[in-house]
Amino acid sequence: MYKMKIKNIYKIFILTLLLLSINIINASSLPTSSLNYELELIIKPENPTANQTISAKANLYALDINKYEVLWFLDGKLIQKGVGQTDFFFQTGNWGKETILTAQVNTTNDGIISKQIYILPSEVDLIWEAKTYTPPFYKGKVLNSSNSIINVVAVPNLIDKNGNKIPSDKLIYKWKEDWKVKGNQSGYGKNTFSFESPQITRSKSITVEVESLDNSLKTKKTINFRSNQTKIIFYKEDPLLGILYNQAINSNYTLSDSEEEVTIKAYPFFFSPQNELKYKWEMNNKILNNIKNEIIFRKQPNLTGSTQVSLKINNLDKILQFTDNTFLINFEE
């Protein structure tokens, strides 16, 4: 009785192996048309804003897509079709309006292959400021110089399908410096970024990628930085009016008949920090014993003509921040 049970179990085992072998043979003999082909959709720009014209391109690997009819749909409505129509142009909607883009390829032997993507307009602006020095009342852009610190703020505009703008502190930020992710400054709510400006002969790119918590909204932006040369600008200090910032001394200054002396102040532009600067004055190529940012000229009896005055400024903390400037002081009777 025990031997008969063993024989029955053995027969069942052999029968199971035969059935598995048949299934394996059938599976291996399936036609190649049963394989799944993936349709790729590429849109440019990758992160479109509202009411922007977008280009879309369909790619089909392992099959020649140019032989088949390609259909393009926007929000379910057929807009364009034709054999080999792999390129499609369309416009995004307003802020908060989702666009559904669908591409469909009707193949001969492999059926219908389609791909659908969802597009919500989004954008981010980058505002930056350099931590460098400019004199009072300066109205221009404060520029960066070699190895100065730059602060960047991301100002995103991400509006969901309900028309609600997502606050900047409720988004995820990924910051990159020269395409390298800066993890310590990236993350939830981190919309600010600080870095060191490149050297004068180089450049540096800063990228921010912003996305919502549910991953439905994404955008990114890149800006490139080059450093600017530091400058020296000379101003006259009037005894009554103070420093005349509206009248820079460019190439020369002439003492008027009523002036017995004049004080000229030198202001460095785009250095950082100011208290690490070294001033080196020269008059007719002779070094003066003056380490301040100002110099005083007095009329001398029977002295006429012109004197060349030059100033060199170096940042002792950042050696690539240096510059010089020259002007003439004219003495007349």
Protein backbone atom coordinates (compact mmCIF):
# COMPACT_ATOMS: atom_id res chain seq x y z
CA MET A 1 0.00 0.00 0.00
CA TYR A 2 2.79 2.41 0.86
CA LYS A 3 4.64 1.58 -2.39
CA MET A 4 1.49 2.25 -4.44
CA LYS A 5 1.19 5.76 -2.95
CA ILE A 6 4.80 6.51 -3.86
CA LYS A 7 4.21 5.37 -7.46
CA ASN A 8 1.11 7.61 -7.75
CA ILE A 9 3.02 10.62 -6.45
CA TYR A 10 5.81 9.93 -8.92
CA LYS A 11 3.33 9.77 -11.83
CA ILE A 12 1.79 13.11 -10.79
CA PHE A 13 5.25 14.67 -10.63
CA ILE A 14 6.15 13.43 -14.14
CA LEU A 15 2.82 14.72 -15.53
CA THR A 16 3.40 18.14 -13.97
CA LEU A 17 6.84 18.40 -15.57
CA LEU A 18 5.38 17.56 -18.98
CA LEU A 19 2.71 20.26 -18.66
CA LEU A 20 5.31 22.86 -17.63
CA SER A 21 7.47 21.93 -20.62
CA ILE A 22 4.53 22.45 -22.99
CA ASN A 23 3.82 25.90 -21.50
CA ILE A 24 7.47 26.93 -21.85
CA ILE A 25 7.51 25.84 -25.52
CA ASN A 26 4.29 27.76 -26.23
CA ALA A 27 5.59 30.93 -24.55
CA SER A 28 8.86 30.88 -26.48
CA SER A 29 7.05 30.50 -29.80
CA LEU A 30 4.92 33.69 -29.38
CA PRO A 31 5.30 36.20 -32.28
CA THR A 32 7.39 39.30 -31.69
CA SER A 33 4.29 41.48 -32.25
CA SER A 34 3.21 40.73 -28.69
CA LEU A 35 6.11 42.80 -27.32
CA ASN A 36 5.35 46.21 -25.81
CA TYR A 37 6.91 49.24 -27.53
CA GLU A 38 7.39 52.42 -25.53
CA LEU A 39 6.52 55.76 -27.07
CA GLU A 40 8.68 58.68 -25.90
CA LEU A 41 7.41 62.26 -25.82
CA ILE A 42 9.90 65.12 -25.60
CA ILE A 43 8.64 68.66 -24.98
CA LYS A 44 10.62 71.88 -25.16
CA PRO A 45 10.88 73.84 -23.01
CA GLU A 46 10.81 71.09 -20.43
CA ASN A 47 9.09 73.27 -17.81
CA PRO A 48 6.73 75.59 -19.69
CA THR A 49 5.05 78.68 -18.30
CA ALA A 50 1.50 79.87 -18.95
CA ASN A 51 0.37 80.63 -22.53
CA GLN A 52 3.70 79.52 -23.96
CA THR A 53 4.25 77.83 -27.32
CA ILE A 54 5.59 74.31 -26.85
CA SER A 55 7.17 71.87 -29.28
CA ALA A 56 6.57 68.14 -28.82
CA LYS A 57 8.33 65.28 -30.56
CA ALA A 58 7.40 61.59 -30.59
CA ASN A 59 10.07 58.87 -30.71
CA LEU A 60 9.41 55.15 -31.08
CA TYR A 61 12.30 52.79 -30.51
CA ALA A 62 12.65 49.45 -32.35
CA LEU A 63 10.05 50.57 -34.92
CA ASP A 64 10.29 53.16 -37.69
CA ILE A 65 7.68 55.69 -36.58
CA ASN A 66 7.87 57.50 -39.94
CA LYS A 67 6.01 54.61 -41.59
CA TYR A 68 2.92 54.93 -39.40
CA GLU A 69 0.10 57.35 -38.80
CA VAL A 70 0.67 59.59 -35.78
CA LEU A 71 -2.25 61.31 -34.05
CA TRP A 72 -1.98 64.22 -31.62
CA PHE A 73 -4.65 65.06 -29.06
CA LEU A 74 -5.06 68.01 -26.68
CA ASP A 75 -7.39 67.36 -23.75
CA GLY A 76 -8.89 64.44 -25.68
CA LYS A 77 -9.53 66.40 -28.89
CA LEU A 78 -7.79 65.34 -32.11
CA ILE A 79 -5.71 68.27 -33.39
CA GLN A 80 -3.29 66.77 -35.92
CA LYS A 81 -2.70 63.47 -37.68
CA GLY A 82 -0.67 62.09 -40.55
CA VAL A 83 1.93 59.54 -41.54
CA GLY A 84 5.27 60.38 -39.94
CA GLN A 85 3.87 63.47 -38.16
CA THR A 86 6.30 63.18 -35.26
CA ASP A 87 6.41 66.93 -34.48
CA PHE A 88 3.60 68.90 -32.87
CA PHE A 89 3.28 72.49 -31.65
CA PHE A 90 0.74 73.74 -29.14
CA GLN A 91 0.19 76.38 -26.48
CA THR A 92 -0.19 75.90 -22.76
CA GLY A 93 -3.16 77.33 -20.88
CA ASN A 94 -3.38 79.94 -18.15
CA TRP A 95 -1.94 79.48 -14.66
CA GLY A 96 -3.65 76.55 -12.96
CA LYS A 97 -4.99 75.14 -16.27
CA GLU A 98 -3.78 71.60 -16.90
CA THR A 99 -3.13 70.49 -20.47
CA ILE A 100 -3.31 66.79 -21.37
CA LEU A 101 -1.14 65.94 -24.37
CA THR A 102 -1.60 62.54 -26.03
CA ALA A 103 0.35 61.03 -28.93
CA GLN A 104 -0.93 57.90 -30.64
CA VAL A 105 0.83 55.73 -33.23
CA ASN A 106 -1.26 53.33 -35.34
CA THR A 107 1.12 50.54 -36.35
CA THR A 108 0.46 47.84 -38.95
CA ASN A 109 1.20 44.70 -36.93
CA ASP A 110 1.65 45.92 -33.38
CA GLY A 111 -1.62 47.70 -32.73
CA ILE A 112 -1.95 51.15 -31.19
CA ILE A 113 0.92 52.62 -29.18
CA SER A 114 0.20 55.77 -27.18
CA LYS A 115 1.67 58.06 -24.53
CA GLN A 116 0.02 60.75 -22.41
CA ILE A 117 1.58 63.53 -20.36
CA TYR A 118 0.06 66.18 -18.09
CA ILE A 119 1.34 69.76 -18.20
CA LEU A 120 0.71 72.42 -15.55
CA PRO A 121 2.35 75.81 -16.21
CA SER A 122 4.97 76.81 -13.65
CA GLU A 123 7.97 79.10 -13.38
CA VAL A 124 10.63 80.35 -11.00
CA ASP A 125 12.66 83.55 -11.02
CA LEU A 126 16.08 83.91 -9.46
CA ILE A 127 17.04 87.17 -7.76
CA TRP A 128 20.62 87.66 -6.60
CA GLU A 129 22.68 90.18 -4.71
CA ALA A 130 26.41 90.37 -4.17
CA LYS A 131 27.83 91.01 -0.71
CA THR A 132 30.21 93.70 -1.93
CA TYR A 133 30.72 97.34 -1.06
CA THR A 134 29.38 100.40 -2.89
CA PRO A 135 29.33 103.99 -1.58
CA PRO A 136 26.18 105.69 -0.22
CA PHE A 137 23.50 106.73 -2.72
CA TYR A 138 24.77 104.30 -5.33
CA LYS A 139 21.79 103.50 -7.58
CA GLY A 140 23.25 100.80 -9.78
CA LYS A 141 23.38 97.05 -9.40
CA VAL A 142 25.83 95.89 -6.73
CA LEU A 143 28.09 93.59 -8.73
CA ASN A 144 30.08 90.55 -7.69
CA SER A 145 33.86 90.31 -7.89
CA SER A 146 36.28 87.39 -7.64
CA ASN A 147 35.50 85.18 -4.63
CA SER A 148 32.83 87.52 -3.25
CA ILE A 149 29.70 86.03 -1.66
CA ILE A 150 26.48 85.98 -3.69
CA ASN A 151 23.03 85.33 -2.20
CA VAL A 152 20.33 83.94 -4.51
CA VAL A 153 16.59 83.84 -3.75
CA ALA A 154 14.17 81.65 -5.71
CA VAL A 155 10.76 83.23 -6.35
CA PRO A 156 8.51 80.43 -7.65
CA ASN A 157 5.10 80.75 -9.27
CA LEU A 158 3.42 77.36 -8.91
CA ILE A 159 -0.39 77.30 -9.11
CA ASP A 160 -2.26 74.02 -8.67
CA LYS A 161 -5.32 72.79 -10.60
CA ASN A 162 -7.60 74.46 -8.07
CA GLY A 163 -6.09 77.86 -8.83
CA ASN A 164 -4.24 78.11 -5.51
CA LYS A 165 -0.70 79.45 -5.48
CA ILE A 166 1.59 77.26 -3.41
CA PRO A 167 3.61 79.32 -0.86
CA SER A 168 7.35 79.36 -1.44
CA ASP A 169 8.01 77.79 1.98
CA LYS A 170 5.80 74.80 1.09
CA LEU A 171 7.90 73.65 -1.86
CA ILE A 172 10.97 71.45 -2.29
CA TYR A 173 14.15 73.02 -3.66
CA LYS A 174 17.19 71.35 -5.17
CA TRP A 175 20.15 73.68 -5.67
CA LYS A 176 23.05 72.89 -7.97
CA GLU A 177 26.38 74.66 -8.35
CA ASP A 178 28.04 73.81 -11.66
CA TRP A 179 25.57 70.88 -11.90
CA LYS A 180 26.61 69.46 -8.53
CA VAL A 181 23.78 69.13 -6.01
CA LYS A 182 24.32 71.12 -2.82
CA GLY A 183 22.45 68.96 -0.37
CA ASN A 184 23.10 71.08 2.70
CA GLN A 185 21.29 74.03 1.10
CA SER A 186 18.56 71.99 -0.62
CA GLY A 187 15.30 70.68 0.80
CA TYR A 188 11.83 71.64 1.93
CA GLY A 189 11.29 75.40 2.07
CA LYS A 190 14.93 76.24 1.29
CA ASN A 191 14.44 78.94 -1.33
CA THR A 192 17.75 80.75 -0.66
CA PHE A 193 21.26 79.81 -1.72
CA SER A 194 24.71 81.29 -1.04
CA PHE A 195 27.93 80.63 -2.91
CA GLU A 196 31.30 82.13 -3.74
CA SER A 197 31.65 84.03 -6.99
CA PRO A 198 34.07 82.53 -9.55
CA GLN A 199 37.48 83.96 -10.26
CA ILE A 200 37.68 86.73 -12.82
CA THR A 201 38.60 84.44 -15.74
CA ARG A 202 36.00 81.75 -15.00
CA SER A 203 32.25 81.28 -14.86
CA LYS A 204 29.82 79.43 -12.62
CA SER A 205 26.24 78.22 -13.15
CA ILE A 206 23.57 78.03 -10.46
CA THR A 207 20.45 75.90 -10.99
CA VAL A 208 17.38 75.49 -8.85
CA GLU A 209 14.76 72.77 -9.33
CA VAL A 210 11.44 73.40 -7.60
CA GLU A 211 8.59 70.93 -7.14
CA SER A 212 5.42 70.56 -5.14
CA LEU A 213 5.02 67.95 -2.43
CA ASP A 214 2.68 65.83 -4.57
CA ASN A 215 5.11 66.07 -7.53
CA SER A 216 2.39 67.51 -9.77
CA LEU A 217 4.23 70.78 -10.38
CA LYS A 218 7.87 71.13 -11.38
CA THR A 219 10.06 73.87 -12.74
CA LYS A 220 13.70 74.87 -12.85
CA LYS A 221 15.97 77.73 -13.82
CA THR A 222 19.68 78.27 -14.40
CA ILE A 223 21.70 81.47 -14.31
CA ASN A 224 25.38 81.89 -15.15
CA PHE A 225 27.78 84.12 -13.27
CA ARG A 226 31.00 85.84 -14.23
CA SER A 227 32.91 88.07 -11.88
CA ASN A 228 33.40 91.79 -12.46
CA GLN A 229 36.51 93.86 -12.01
CA THR A 230 36.73 95.96 -8.88
CA LYS A 231 36.91 99.74 -9.33
CA ILE A 232 38.08 102.95 -7.66
CA ILE A 233 36.17 106.19 -8.07
CA PHE A 234 37.41 109.51 -6.67
CA TYR A 235 35.11 112.19 -5.22
CA LYS A 236 35.71 115.67 -3.81
CA GLU A 237 34.77 116.33 -0.19
CA ASP A 238 33.26 119.79 0.09
CA PRO A 239 33.65 121.54 3.51
CA LEU A 240 29.97 122.54 3.51
CA LEU A 241 28.16 120.01 1.31
CA GLY A 242 30.13 116.90 2.23
CA ILE A 243 31.17 114.33 -0.35
CA LEU A 244 29.95 115.20 -3.84
CA TYR A 245 28.86 111.74 -5.01
CA ASN A 246 27.22 113.30 -8.07
CA GLN A 247 30.54 114.58 -9.42
CA ALA A 248 33.14 111.87 -9.86
CA ILE A 249 36.72 112.88 -10.63
CA ASN A 250 37.56 111.05 -13.83
CA SER A 251 40.92 112.12 -15.25
CA ASN A 252 41.89 115.41 -13.57
CA TYR A 253 40.96 117.98 -10.97
CA THR A 254 41.96 121.67 -10.95
CA LEU A 255 42.12 123.68 -7.77
CA SER A 256 40.11 126.84 -8.30
CA ASP A 257 41.32 130.31 -7.34
CA SER A 258 39.24 130.22 -4.20
CA GLU A 259 40.59 126.86 -3.02
CA GLU A 260 43.63 126.68 -0.83
CA GLU A 261 43.26 122.93 -0.40
CA VAL A 262 41.04 120.07 -1.49
CA THR A 263 40.27 116.70 0.02
CA ILE A 264 39.84 113.80 -2.42
CA LYS A 265 38.23 110.60 -1.20
CA ALA A 266 38.63 107.23 -2.90
CA TYR A 267 35.76 104.77 -2.83
CA PRO A 268 36.27 101.11 -3.70
CA PHE A 269 33.53 99.39 -5.67
CA PHE A 270 32.65 95.68 -5.41
CA PHE A 271 35.25 94.72 -2.79
CA SER A 272 34.46 92.48 0.17
CA PRO A 273 34.85 93.11 3.03
CA GLN A 274 35.92 96.75 3.17
CA ASN A 275 37.85 96.59 6.45
CA GLU A 276 40.42 94.23 4.90
CA LEU A 277 41.54 96.71 2.22
CA LYS A 278 45.05 98.09 1.81
CA TYR A 279 45.50 101.56 0.25
CA LYS A 280 48.74 102.51 -1.51
CA TRP A 281 48.97 106.12 -2.74
CA GLU A 282 51.64 107.41 -5.12
CA MET A 283 52.43 110.89 -6.40
CA ASN A 284 54.56 111.07 -9.53
CA ASN A 285 55.49 107.42 -8.93
CA LYS A 286 56.67 108.09 -5.37
CA ILE A 287 54.95 106.21 -2.57
CA LEU A 288 53.17 108.40 -0.02
CA ASN A 289 52.90 107.71 3.68
CA ASN A 290 49.12 107.42 3.56
CA ILE A 291 47.07 104.31 4.27
CA LYS A 292 43.64 105.96 4.36
CA ASN A 293 41.04 106.31 1.64
CA GLU A 294 41.53 110.07 1.36
CA ILE A 295 44.26 112.48 0.39
CA ILE A 296 44.61 116.27 0.88
CA PHE A 297 46.24 118.64 -1.61
CA ARG A 298 47.30 122.18 -0.67
CA LYS A 299 48.46 125.03 -2.87
CA GLN A 300 52.13 125.84 -2.59
CA PRO A 301 53.63 129.28 -3.33
CA ASN A 302 54.83 129.64 -6.91
CA LEU A 303 53.78 126.05 -7.67
CA THR A 304 51.99 125.47 -10.98
CA GLY A 305 51.49 122.55 -13.29
CA SER A 306 50.09 119.05 -12.85
CA THR A 307 50.84 116.16 -10.55
CA GLN A 308 49.95 112.55 -11.25
CA VAL A 309 48.21 110.79 -8.38
CA SER A 310 47.59 107.07 -8.36
CA LEU A 311 46.03 104.65 -5.91
CA LYS A 312 46.19 100.88 -5.64
CA ILE A 313 43.76 98.92 -3.47
CA ASN A 314 44.19 95.29 -2.47
CA ASN A 315 41.93 93.05 -0.44
CA LEU A 316 44.19 91.29 2.05
CA ASP A 317 41.61 88.57 2.61
CA LYS A 318 40.84 87.86 -1.07
CA ILE A 319 43.97 88.31 -3.15
CA LEU A 320 42.16 88.40 -6.51
CA GLN A 321 40.30 91.55 -5.51
CA PHE A 322 42.58 94.42 -6.50
CA THR A 323 42.53 97.45 -8.75
CA ASP A 324 44.12 100.85 -9.37
CA ASN A 325 43.17 104.26 -10.74
CA THR A 326 44.97 107.48 -11.64
CA PHE A 327 44.11 111.16 -12.03
CA LEU A 328 45.91 114.51 -12.39
CA ILE A 329 45.74 117.33 -9.85
CA ASN A 330 46.28 120.70 -11.54
CA PHE A 331 47.80 123.65 -9.66
CA GLU A 332 47.25 127.11 -11.11
CA GLU A 333 48.13 130.64 -9.98
